[in-house]
Structures are given as structure tokens and as C-alpha cells.
């Protein structure tokens, strides 16, 4: 059985969400997010940069959430939640999956790290990262106009982007992208999202 080392509201929610949508059994062990735990020798053997999550499947151990998503799809999904490899739709699926982490999550992570490490914060730095994140929200907004999900039908790319939308909602209080708000509301109603976010009410991106 897959085993996930999990911290609520972190990237490990992607794995819970995906497995719930697929009906794939997942053993979840909640761990501490303290720096003492994450930088301990024991944890560094699982994740060499002291981050969360970690996924284990037998002898296999992984520490990158996007790679975990793709591994689960390729091994356990039987073709579900991703288009056929080698097709234009699969190329777009990969684009949005990587966008969710490499492009969208990056400025959000910079906001978190800046606020954690600088007191007082430098407003110009936060403003620049907010603007970059809002460009990503606009990209999502434009992509889902007239569609339920990024590729029309729900795929794991929506899970990858959905986590970043959740983080954006926590860090940036308001924007005016209505299509993105409606898309986010649709994601929040999915059984996998409810399971992944637990007691968190993701709410509207424009709250």
C-alpha cells in the first residue's frame, strides 16, 4: 500500500486528493512541520532537503509531489485523470501540471518565506510576488473560461493547480477573476478536495 507522510495544508494534500478521486488506498501518517523534525537525520534520509511530503510504495521512496502524482497515475490509475501520452491533450495536461508547481507555486512560496524570515517584511518584495501570482491566477482564469476544468474534463492537472489556488487564497485576500473563482468553487466541491483539505474551508478566492 502507498504510504504518505503528510502535513495538513501542504503539498501532500495533492496526493490525498488524487488517491481519493482514484479510489487508491493510501496510508496517511501525519508528521510534524517543525524545523527540528524536518532537519533531523531520520527525516533527511527520507527527504534530503527537509521538506514535506514523502511517499513510499514498497522499496520506492519519493519526495517531490508532482512526481508522486505522475507515478500514481502511471502505476495505479489505468488511464484515468490524464490524457493518452503523446497526444496534444497530454502535452497540455503536462503543461498545466508543471505550471501549478514550477510557475504558480513559486511566487507564493516566496511570499511565505519572506514573511517568515524578514521582520519587518519588505513591502516591495511582497508586492512583486503578489503581482506574479496574480498573473498566474489570470492565466487560470482565461484557461477555464467556458470550461469546467483546465482541459475541459477533470484531470490531475486540476489537482496540481488546485493546491496552488488554495495557497493563493490564504496569502492574497482578493482579486476580480470571476472564472477562476467559479473554477475554484467547483474544485472545492469534489470529494477528493474535501478529503484532502480536511476541516479547512477553502472558500472563494475573492474573499
Protein backbone atom coordinates (compact mmCIF):
# COMPACT_ATOMS: atom_id res chain seq x y z
CA UNK A 1 0.00 0.00 0.00
CA UNK A 2 1.08 3.56 -0.66
CA UNK A 3 2.19 5.42 2.47
CA UNK A 4 2.16 9.21 2.66
CA UNK A 5 3.97 11.30 5.26
CA UNK A 6 1.62 14.27 5.49
CA UNK A 7 1.31 17.75 6.96
CA UNK A 8 -2.10 19.45 6.58
CA UNK A 9 -2.32 22.33 4.07
CA UNK A 10 0.98 21.38 2.41
CA UNK A 11 1.67 19.78 -0.96
CA UNK A 12 0.84 16.37 0.48
CA UNK A 13 -2.82 17.36 0.03
CA UNK A 14 -2.29 16.74 -3.70
CA UNK A 15 -1.62 13.07 -3.04
CA UNK A 16 -4.62 12.61 -0.74
CA UNK A 17 -6.87 14.35 -3.26
CA UNK A 18 -5.61 12.23 -6.16
CA UNK A 19 -5.90 8.91 -4.33
CA UNK A 20 -9.39 9.78 -3.13
CA UNK A 21 -10.54 10.55 -6.68
CA UNK A 22 -8.98 7.32 -7.97
CA UNK A 23 -10.09 5.11 -5.08
CA UNK A 24 -6.47 4.10 -4.45
CA UNK A 25 -5.81 3.01 -0.83
CA UNK A 26 -3.44 5.34 0.99
CA UNK A 27 -1.91 5.01 4.45
CA UNK A 28 -1.50 8.54 5.83
CA UNK A 29 0.93 9.35 8.64
CA UNK A 30 0.76 12.95 9.85
CA UNK A 31 4.18 14.30 10.84
CA UNK A 32 5.47 17.48 12.43
CA UNK A 33 6.32 20.51 10.30
CA UNK A 34 8.78 21.82 12.90
CA UNK A 35 12.28 22.57 11.69
CA UNK A 36 13.63 20.25 14.39
CA UNK A 37 11.74 17.31 12.89
CA UNK A 38 12.31 18.19 9.24
CA UNK A 39 16.05 18.67 9.70
CA UNK A 40 16.53 15.58 11.86
CA UNK A 41 18.87 12.91 10.49
CA UNK A 42 15.99 10.43 10.35
CA UNK A 43 13.79 12.68 8.22
CA UNK A 44 16.65 13.79 5.97
CA UNK A 45 17.11 10.17 4.94
CA UNK A 46 13.57 10.35 3.51
CA UNK A 47 13.64 13.91 2.18
CA UNK A 48 17.20 15.22 1.73
CA UNK A 49 16.11 18.88 1.70
CA UNK A 50 13.95 18.66 4.82
CA UNK A 51 10.59 19.21 3.13
CA UNK A 52 7.19 17.51 3.09
CA UNK A 53 5.72 15.25 1.68
CA UNK A 54 7.30 11.84 1.33
CA UNK A 55 5.57 8.96 -0.45
CA UNK A 56 6.59 5.32 -0.08
CA UNK A 57 5.50 2.37 -2.19
CA UNK A 58 7.36 -0.75 -1.13
CA UNK A 59 11.06 -0.08 -1.67
CA UNK A 60 10.36 3.16 -3.54
CA UNK A 61 10.58 6.47 -1.68
CA UNK A 62 9.76 9.83 -3.32
CA UNK A 63 9.96 13.44 -2.10
CA UNK A 64 8.55 15.58 -4.95
CA UNK A 65 4.76 15.98 -5.01
CA UNK A 66 4.39 16.46 -8.76
CA UNK A 67 6.41 13.32 -9.45
CA UNK A 68 4.29 11.44 -6.91
CA UNK A 69 1.13 12.47 -8.75
CA UNK A 70 2.51 11.25 -12.06
CA UNK A 71 3.79 7.99 -10.57
CA UNK A 72 0.40 7.18 -9.04
CA UNK A 73 -1.34 7.94 -12.33
CA UNK A 74 1.04 5.79 -14.37
CA UNK A 75 1.02 2.86 -11.94
CA UNK A 76 -2.47 2.79 -10.47
CA UNK A 77 -4.92 4.92 -12.48
CA UNK A 78 -5.45 2.68 -15.54
CA UNK A 79 -5.62 5.67 -17.85
CA UNK A 80 -7.82 7.82 -15.62
CA UNK A 81 -7.26 11.54 -14.90
CA UNK A 82 -4.70 12.09 -17.65
CA UNK A 83 -4.99 12.08 -21.46
CA UNK A 84 -3.22 9.46 -23.55
CA UNK A 85 0.54 10.02 -23.66
CA UNK A 86 1.88 11.51 -26.88
CA UNK A 87 -1.30 13.43 -27.70
CA UNK A 88 -1.76 17.22 -27.79
CA UNK A 89 -4.12 16.94 -24.82
CA UNK A 90 -1.44 15.15 -22.83
CA UNK A 91 1.03 17.91 -23.68
CA UNK A 92 -1.44 20.47 -22.31
CA UNK A 93 -2.04 18.28 -19.27
CA UNK A 94 1.71 18.23 -18.56
CA UNK A 95 1.96 21.97 -19.16
CA UNK A 96 -0.70 22.77 -16.57
CA UNK A 97 0.64 20.20 -14.11
CA UNK A 98 4.09 21.76 -14.18
CA UNK A 99 2.61 25.26 -14.21
CA UNK A 100 0.85 24.51 -10.92
CA UNK A 101 4.17 23.93 -9.15
CA UNK A 102 7.03 25.45 -11.15
CA UNK A 103 5.28 28.71 -12.11
CA UNK A 104 2.29 29.34 -9.84
CA UNK A 105 3.56 28.00 -6.52
CA UNK A 106 6.93 29.76 -6.80
CA UNK A 107 5.87 33.36 -6.04
CA UNK A 108 3.51 32.08 -3.35
CA UNK A 109 6.38 30.24 -1.70
CA UNK A 110 8.49 33.40 -1.89
CA UNK A 111 5.77 35.31 -0.02
CA UNK A 112 5.69 32.67 2.71
CA UNK A 113 9.49 32.54 3.03
CA UNK A 114 9.85 36.32 3.01
CA UNK A 115 7.27 36.82 5.74
CA UNK A 116 8.86 34.06 7.80
CA UNK A 117 12.43 35.33 7.51
CA UNK A 118 12.12 39.13 7.35
CA UNK A 119 10.65 41.20 10.17
CA UNK A 120 9.55 43.73 9.21
CA UNK A 121 8.84 42.48 5.70
CA UNK A 122 9.94 44.48 2.66
CA UNK A 123 6.68 45.62 1.03
CA UNK A 124 8.19 45.92 -2.45
CA UNK A 125 9.27 42.27 -2.42
CA UNK A 126 5.84 41.04 -1.34
CA UNK A 127 4.11 43.28 -3.89
CA UNK A 128 6.24 41.87 -6.72
CA UNK A 129 5.47 38.28 -5.72
CA UNK A 130 1.75 39.06 -5.36
CA UNK A 131 1.73 40.53 -8.86
CA UNK A 132 3.44 37.43 -10.25
CA UNK A 133 0.94 35.17 -8.50
CA UNK A 134 -1.99 37.19 -9.84
CA UNK A 135 -0.65 36.77 -13.37
CA UNK A 136 -0.93 33.04 -12.73
CA UNK A 137 -4.50 33.43 -11.50
CA UNK A 138 -5.29 35.35 -14.68
CA UNK A 139 -3.78 32.54 -16.76
CA UNK A 140 -6.03 30.04 -14.99
CA UNK A 141 -9.00 32.38 -15.32
CA UNK A 142 -8.54 32.64 -19.08
CA UNK A 143 -7.93 28.89 -19.46
CA UNK A 144 -11.19 27.85 -17.79
CA UNK A 145 -13.44 30.41 -19.47
CA UNK A 146 -16.31 28.41 -20.94
CA UNK A 147 -14.99 25.15 -19.43
CA UNK A 148 -15.45 23.29 -16.17
CA UNK A 149 -11.79 22.37 -15.84
CA UNK A 150 -8.44 23.23 -17.41
CA UNK A 151 -8.70 20.62 -20.18
CA UNK A 152 -12.49 20.53 -20.22
CA UNK A 153 -12.71 17.27 -18.27
CA UNK A 154 -11.20 16.92 -14.80
CA UNK A 155 -7.59 15.70 -14.76
CA UNK A 156 -4.77 15.55 -12.24
CA UNK A 157 -3.57 18.88 -13.63
CA UNK A 158 -6.53 20.43 -11.81
CA UNK A 159 -5.22 18.90 -8.60
CA UNK A 160 -1.74 20.33 -9.19
CA UNK A 161 -3.13 23.80 -9.89
CA UNK A 162 -5.82 23.43 -7.22
CA UNK A 163 -3.29 23.24 -4.40
CA UNK A 164 -1.68 26.46 -5.61
CA UNK A 165 -5.08 28.14 -5.77
CA UNK A 166 -5.69 27.10 -2.17
CA UNK A 167 -2.36 28.60 -1.11
CA UNK A 168 -3.09 31.74 -3.12
CA UNK A 169 -6.42 32.09 -1.33
CA UNK A 170 -4.63 32.04 2.01
CA UNK A 171 -1.98 34.59 1.05
CA UNK A 172 -3.73 37.05 -1.27
CA UNK A 173 -7.04 38.35 0.06
CA UNK A 174 -8.83 39.43 -3.10
CA UNK A 175 -8.91 39.66 -6.88
CA UNK A 176 -11.53 40.08 -9.58
CA UNK A 177 -11.08 36.96 -11.73
CA UNK A 178 -14.60 35.52 -11.72
CA UNK A 179 -13.89 32.47 -13.90
CA UNK A 180 -11.07 31.43 -11.57
CA UNK A 181 -13.36 31.87 -8.57
CA UNK A 182 -16.03 29.66 -10.13
CA UNK A 183 -13.42 27.07 -11.09
CA UNK A 184 -12.09 27.06 -7.54
CA UNK A 185 -15.61 26.57 -6.19
CA UNK A 186 -16.08 23.56 -8.46
CA UNK A 187 -12.82 22.03 -7.25
CA UNK A 188 -13.79 22.55 -3.62
CA UNK A 189 -16.98 20.53 -4.08
CA UNK A 190 -15.09 17.45 -5.27
CA UNK A 191 -14.94 14.54 -2.84
CA UNK A 192 -11.17 14.32 -3.10
CA UNK A 193 -10.72 18.01 -2.28
CA UNK A 194 -13.00 17.74 0.75
CA UNK A 195 -10.95 14.79 1.99
CA UNK A 196 -7.60 16.45 1.27
CA UNK A 197 -8.39 19.78 2.88
CA UNK A 198 -9.99 18.22 5.96
CA UNK A 199 -11.56 20.85 8.19
CA UNK A 200 -10.23 23.68 6.05
CA UNK A 201 -12.95 25.64 4.25
CA UNK A 202 -11.10 26.77 1.11
CA UNK A 203 -13.80 29.35 0.38
CA UNK A 204 -13.68 31.81 -2.50
CA UNK A 205 -10.53 33.22 -3.99
CA UNK A 206 -12.12 36.67 -3.74
CA UNK A 207 -12.84 36.57 -0.01
